[in-house]
N, C-alpha and C. Protein backbone atom coordinates (compact mmCIF):
# COMPACT_ATOMS: atom_id res chain seq x y z
N MET A 1 17.43 -86.75 -160.59
CA MET A 1 17.42 -87.51 -159.34
C MET A 1 16.50 -88.72 -159.50
N GLU A 2 16.93 -89.84 -158.98
CA GLU A 2 16.16 -91.07 -159.04
C GLU A 2 15.01 -91.01 -158.03
N LYS A 3 13.85 -91.53 -158.39
CA LYS A 3 12.68 -91.53 -157.52
C LYS A 3 12.45 -92.93 -156.96
N ALA A 4 12.24 -93.02 -155.66
CA ALA A 4 11.93 -94.30 -155.02
C ALA A 4 10.42 -94.51 -155.08
N PRO A 5 9.98 -95.76 -155.12
CA PRO A 5 8.53 -96.01 -155.12
C PRO A 5 7.93 -95.65 -153.76
N LEU A 6 6.67 -95.22 -153.78
CA LEU A 6 5.95 -94.91 -152.55
C LEU A 6 5.18 -96.14 -152.08
N ILE A 7 4.97 -96.24 -150.79
CA ILE A 7 4.21 -97.35 -150.22
C ILE A 7 2.76 -96.89 -150.09
N GLU A 8 1.86 -97.52 -150.83
CA GLU A 8 0.47 -97.08 -150.90
C GLU A 8 -0.21 -97.05 -149.53
N GLU A 9 0.06 -98.03 -148.67
CA GLU A 9 -0.60 -98.09 -147.36
C GLU A 9 -0.02 -97.12 -146.33
N CYS A 10 1.06 -96.48 -146.65
CA CYS A 10 1.74 -95.57 -145.72
C CYS A 10 1.10 -94.18 -145.78
N PRO A 11 0.63 -93.63 -144.66
CA PRO A 11 -0.04 -92.33 -144.70
C PRO A 11 0.90 -91.18 -145.10
N VAL A 12 2.18 -91.31 -144.81
CA VAL A 12 3.15 -90.27 -145.15
C VAL A 12 4.42 -90.93 -145.67
N CYS A 13 4.91 -90.46 -146.80
CA CYS A 13 6.19 -90.91 -147.34
C CYS A 13 7.09 -89.68 -147.44
N ILE A 14 8.33 -89.81 -147.01
CA ILE A 14 9.26 -88.69 -146.98
C ILE A 14 10.50 -89.04 -147.78
N SER A 15 10.86 -88.17 -148.70
CA SER A 15 12.09 -88.30 -149.48
C SER A 15 13.19 -87.52 -148.75
N LEU A 16 14.33 -88.18 -148.51
CA LEU A 16 15.41 -87.56 -147.74
C LEU A 16 16.67 -87.39 -148.57
N SER A 17 17.44 -86.38 -148.20
CA SER A 17 18.80 -86.23 -148.69
C SER A 17 19.69 -86.85 -147.62
N LEU A 18 20.36 -87.95 -147.92
CA LEU A 18 21.13 -88.70 -146.94
C LEU A 18 22.43 -87.98 -146.58
N PHE A 19 22.63 -87.73 -145.27
CA PHE A 19 23.85 -87.09 -144.78
C PHE A 19 24.87 -88.11 -144.27
N ASP A 20 24.36 -89.11 -143.54
CA ASP A 20 25.28 -90.02 -142.88
C ASP A 20 24.56 -91.32 -142.55
N THR A 21 25.32 -92.37 -142.36
CA THR A 21 24.80 -93.62 -141.83
C THR A 21 25.66 -94.02 -140.64
N VAL A 22 25.02 -94.52 -139.62
CA VAL A 22 25.72 -94.93 -138.40
C VAL A 22 25.41 -96.40 -138.16
N LYS A 23 26.43 -97.23 -138.18
CA LYS A 23 26.26 -98.66 -137.92
C LYS A 23 26.05 -98.86 -136.43
N LEU A 24 24.96 -99.49 -136.08
CA LEU A 24 24.65 -99.84 -134.69
C LEU A 24 24.82 -101.35 -134.54
N PRO A 25 24.79 -101.86 -133.31
CA PRO A 25 25.02 -103.30 -133.13
C PRO A 25 24.11 -104.20 -133.97
N PHE A 26 22.83 -103.82 -134.11
CA PHE A 26 21.90 -104.68 -134.83
C PHE A 26 21.23 -104.00 -136.02
N ASN A 27 21.44 -102.70 -136.21
CA ASN A 27 20.76 -101.94 -137.26
C ASN A 27 21.69 -100.86 -137.80
N THR A 28 21.18 -100.10 -138.75
CA THR A 28 21.87 -98.93 -139.26
C THR A 28 20.95 -97.73 -139.10
N LEU A 29 21.47 -96.64 -138.55
CA LEU A 29 20.72 -95.40 -138.39
C LEU A 29 21.05 -94.51 -139.58
N TYR A 30 20.01 -94.07 -140.29
CA TYR A 30 20.19 -93.19 -141.45
C TYR A 30 19.83 -91.77 -141.04
N ILE A 31 20.72 -90.82 -141.30
CA ILE A 31 20.52 -89.42 -140.93
C ILE A 31 20.39 -88.61 -142.21
N GLY A 32 19.29 -87.87 -142.33
CA GLY A 32 19.08 -87.11 -143.55
C GLY A 32 18.19 -85.90 -143.33
N GLU A 33 18.02 -85.14 -144.38
CA GLU A 33 17.16 -83.95 -144.36
C GLU A 33 15.97 -84.20 -145.29
N PRO A 34 14.74 -83.94 -144.80
CA PRO A 34 13.57 -84.12 -145.66
C PRO A 34 13.63 -83.19 -146.87
N ILE A 35 13.34 -83.75 -148.04
CA ILE A 35 13.32 -82.99 -149.28
C ILE A 35 11.88 -82.83 -149.79
N GLU A 36 11.13 -83.94 -149.79
CA GLU A 36 9.73 -83.94 -150.24
C GLU A 36 8.90 -84.78 -149.27
N VAL A 37 7.64 -84.38 -149.08
CA VAL A 37 6.70 -85.13 -148.25
C VAL A 37 5.47 -85.43 -149.10
N PHE A 38 5.04 -86.68 -149.07
CA PHE A 38 3.89 -87.11 -149.86
C PHE A 38 2.82 -87.67 -148.92
N SER A 39 1.57 -87.25 -149.13
CA SER A 39 0.47 -87.76 -148.35
C SER A 39 -0.82 -87.57 -149.13
N GLU A 40 -1.92 -88.04 -148.58
CA GLU A 40 -3.23 -87.87 -149.18
C GLU A 40 -4.04 -86.88 -148.34
N GLU A 41 -5.03 -86.27 -148.94
CA GLU A 41 -5.87 -85.28 -148.25
C GLU A 41 -6.54 -85.87 -147.00
N LYS A 42 -6.85 -87.16 -147.03
CA LYS A 42 -7.55 -87.76 -145.90
C LYS A 42 -6.70 -87.76 -144.62
N TYR A 43 -5.40 -87.52 -144.72
CA TYR A 43 -4.53 -87.46 -143.55
C TYR A 43 -4.19 -86.03 -143.14
N MET A 44 -4.94 -85.07 -143.69
CA MET A 44 -4.63 -83.67 -143.44
C MET A 44 -5.83 -82.93 -142.85
N SER A 45 -5.53 -81.86 -142.12
CA SER A 45 -6.53 -80.92 -141.61
C SER A 45 -5.94 -79.53 -141.79
N ASP A 46 -6.72 -78.63 -142.35
CA ASP A 46 -6.26 -77.26 -142.58
C ASP A 46 -4.93 -77.21 -143.34
N LYS A 47 -4.80 -78.06 -144.37
CA LYS A 47 -3.61 -78.12 -145.24
C LYS A 47 -2.33 -78.54 -144.51
N MET A 48 -2.48 -79.17 -143.35
CA MET A 48 -1.33 -79.67 -142.58
C MET A 48 -1.58 -81.13 -142.23
N LEU A 49 -0.48 -81.90 -142.09
CA LEU A 49 -0.62 -83.28 -141.66
C LEU A 49 -1.27 -83.33 -140.29
N ASP A 50 -2.19 -84.25 -140.10
CA ASP A 50 -2.92 -84.41 -138.85
C ASP A 50 -2.50 -85.74 -138.22
N ILE A 51 -1.77 -85.66 -137.12
CA ILE A 51 -1.20 -86.87 -136.51
C ILE A 51 -2.28 -87.85 -136.07
N LYS A 52 -3.44 -87.36 -135.65
CA LYS A 52 -4.53 -88.26 -135.24
C LYS A 52 -5.07 -89.04 -136.44
N LYS A 53 -5.16 -88.36 -137.59
CA LYS A 53 -5.66 -89.03 -138.79
C LYS A 53 -4.63 -90.03 -139.33
N MET A 54 -3.34 -89.73 -139.17
CA MET A 54 -2.29 -90.65 -139.64
C MET A 54 -2.24 -91.89 -138.75
N ASN A 55 -2.54 -91.72 -137.45
CA ASN A 55 -2.55 -92.82 -136.49
C ASN A 55 -1.23 -93.60 -136.48
N PRO A 56 -0.10 -92.90 -136.26
CA PRO A 56 1.20 -93.59 -136.29
C PRO A 56 1.44 -94.43 -135.03
N PHE A 57 2.42 -95.30 -135.12
CA PHE A 57 2.85 -96.05 -133.95
C PHE A 57 4.37 -96.14 -133.98
N THR A 58 4.94 -96.50 -132.85
CA THR A 58 6.38 -96.64 -132.76
C THR A 58 6.72 -97.93 -132.02
N LEU A 59 7.93 -98.38 -132.22
CA LEU A 59 8.44 -99.59 -131.56
C LEU A 59 9.50 -99.17 -130.55
N THR A 60 9.39 -99.67 -129.33
CA THR A 60 10.43 -99.43 -128.34
C THR A 60 11.21 -100.71 -128.11
N MET A 61 12.48 -100.52 -127.83
CA MET A 61 13.34 -101.69 -127.61
C MET A 61 14.15 -101.43 -126.34
N PRO A 62 14.54 -102.36 -125.57
CA PRO A 62 14.53 -103.79 -125.86
C PRO A 62 13.24 -104.50 -125.46
N ASP A 63 12.19 -103.76 -125.02
CA ASP A 63 10.96 -104.44 -124.60
C ASP A 63 10.10 -104.93 -125.77
N ASN A 64 10.43 -104.47 -127.00
CA ASN A 64 9.71 -104.92 -128.20
C ASN A 64 8.20 -104.70 -128.11
N LYS A 65 7.82 -103.46 -127.78
CA LYS A 65 6.40 -103.10 -127.69
C LYS A 65 6.09 -102.00 -128.69
N TYR A 66 4.86 -102.04 -129.22
CA TYR A 66 4.37 -100.99 -130.10
C TYR A 66 3.56 -100.00 -129.26
N TRP A 67 3.68 -98.70 -129.58
CA TRP A 67 2.97 -97.65 -128.87
C TRP A 67 2.28 -96.74 -129.87
N THR A 68 1.12 -96.22 -129.51
CA THR A 68 0.43 -95.24 -130.35
C THR A 68 0.71 -93.84 -129.81
N VAL A 69 0.35 -92.85 -130.58
CA VAL A 69 0.52 -91.46 -130.16
C VAL A 69 -0.57 -91.12 -129.17
N GLY A 70 -0.21 -90.43 -128.10
CA GLY A 70 -1.18 -90.04 -127.07
C GLY A 70 -1.83 -88.70 -127.36
N ASP A 71 -2.33 -88.08 -126.32
CA ASP A 71 -3.04 -86.81 -126.43
C ASP A 71 -2.09 -85.64 -126.64
N ASN A 72 -2.62 -84.59 -127.21
CA ASN A 72 -1.89 -83.33 -127.38
C ASN A 72 -1.71 -82.69 -126.00
N LEU A 73 -0.48 -82.43 -125.62
CA LEU A 73 -0.20 -81.83 -124.32
C LEU A 73 -0.20 -80.31 -124.36
N GLY A 74 -0.02 -79.72 -125.53
CA GLY A 74 0.00 -78.27 -125.66
C GLY A 74 0.98 -77.84 -126.72
N LYS A 75 1.13 -76.55 -126.87
CA LYS A 75 2.00 -75.95 -127.89
C LYS A 75 3.46 -76.06 -127.46
N ALA A 76 4.31 -76.53 -128.39
CA ALA A 76 5.74 -76.68 -128.10
C ALA A 76 6.35 -75.36 -127.67
N TRP A 77 7.28 -75.42 -126.76
CA TRP A 77 8.02 -74.30 -126.18
C TRP A 77 7.16 -73.42 -125.28
N ASN A 78 5.83 -73.46 -125.42
CA ASN A 78 4.99 -72.67 -124.52
C ASN A 78 4.82 -73.36 -123.17
N ILE A 79 4.69 -74.69 -123.20
CA ILE A 79 4.47 -75.40 -121.95
C ILE A 79 5.64 -76.31 -121.60
N GLY A 80 6.67 -76.36 -122.43
CA GLY A 80 7.79 -77.27 -122.23
C GLY A 80 8.45 -77.15 -120.87
N LYS A 81 8.68 -75.92 -120.41
CA LYS A 81 9.35 -75.74 -119.11
C LYS A 81 8.50 -76.29 -117.97
N SER A 82 7.19 -76.08 -118.03
CA SER A 82 6.35 -76.59 -116.94
C SER A 82 6.29 -78.11 -116.98
N LEU A 83 6.29 -78.72 -118.17
CA LEU A 83 6.30 -80.18 -118.26
C LEU A 83 7.60 -80.74 -117.71
N LYS A 84 8.72 -80.08 -118.04
CA LYS A 84 10.03 -80.51 -117.54
C LYS A 84 10.08 -80.38 -116.02
N ARG A 85 9.58 -79.25 -115.51
CA ARG A 85 9.57 -79.01 -114.07
C ARG A 85 8.73 -80.07 -113.36
N ASN A 86 7.53 -80.36 -113.90
CA ASN A 86 6.66 -81.36 -113.29
C ASN A 86 7.29 -82.74 -113.32
N SER A 87 7.99 -83.06 -114.39
CA SER A 87 8.65 -84.35 -114.52
C SER A 87 9.78 -84.48 -113.49
N GLN A 88 10.54 -83.39 -113.30
CA GLN A 88 11.63 -83.40 -112.31
C GLN A 88 11.06 -83.54 -110.89
N GLU A 89 9.94 -82.87 -110.62
CA GLU A 89 9.31 -82.96 -109.29
C GLU A 89 8.84 -84.39 -109.04
N ASP A 90 8.27 -85.04 -110.07
CA ASP A 90 7.82 -86.42 -109.92
C ASP A 90 8.99 -87.35 -109.62
N ASN A 91 10.15 -87.11 -110.26
CA ASN A 91 11.32 -87.95 -110.05
C ASN A 91 11.94 -87.75 -108.68
N ASN A 92 11.74 -86.60 -108.06
CA ASN A 92 12.31 -86.32 -106.73
C ASN A 92 11.47 -86.88 -105.60
N GLU A 93 10.25 -87.30 -105.91
CA GLU A 93 9.38 -87.82 -104.84
C GLU A 93 9.74 -89.22 -104.44
């Protein structure tokens, strides 16, 4: 298998097995399964990736704004129903 170069400044690099590509109006969406994950110890806590140490950001469109990751809300699936319920209550007000 051919190896792609890693980006030194990137806290996490992921090698994917490509399943599909979807042409969008202005971009292409690549759908794949992670095969390998590469990172440095400085981005990890307890042998797991630490999102606070990675300090990722995302781009939203069409407003073209960058966002950082917020606070930990709780354990997935343990509090999900209450978050969904609270969100629905807020929308009904």
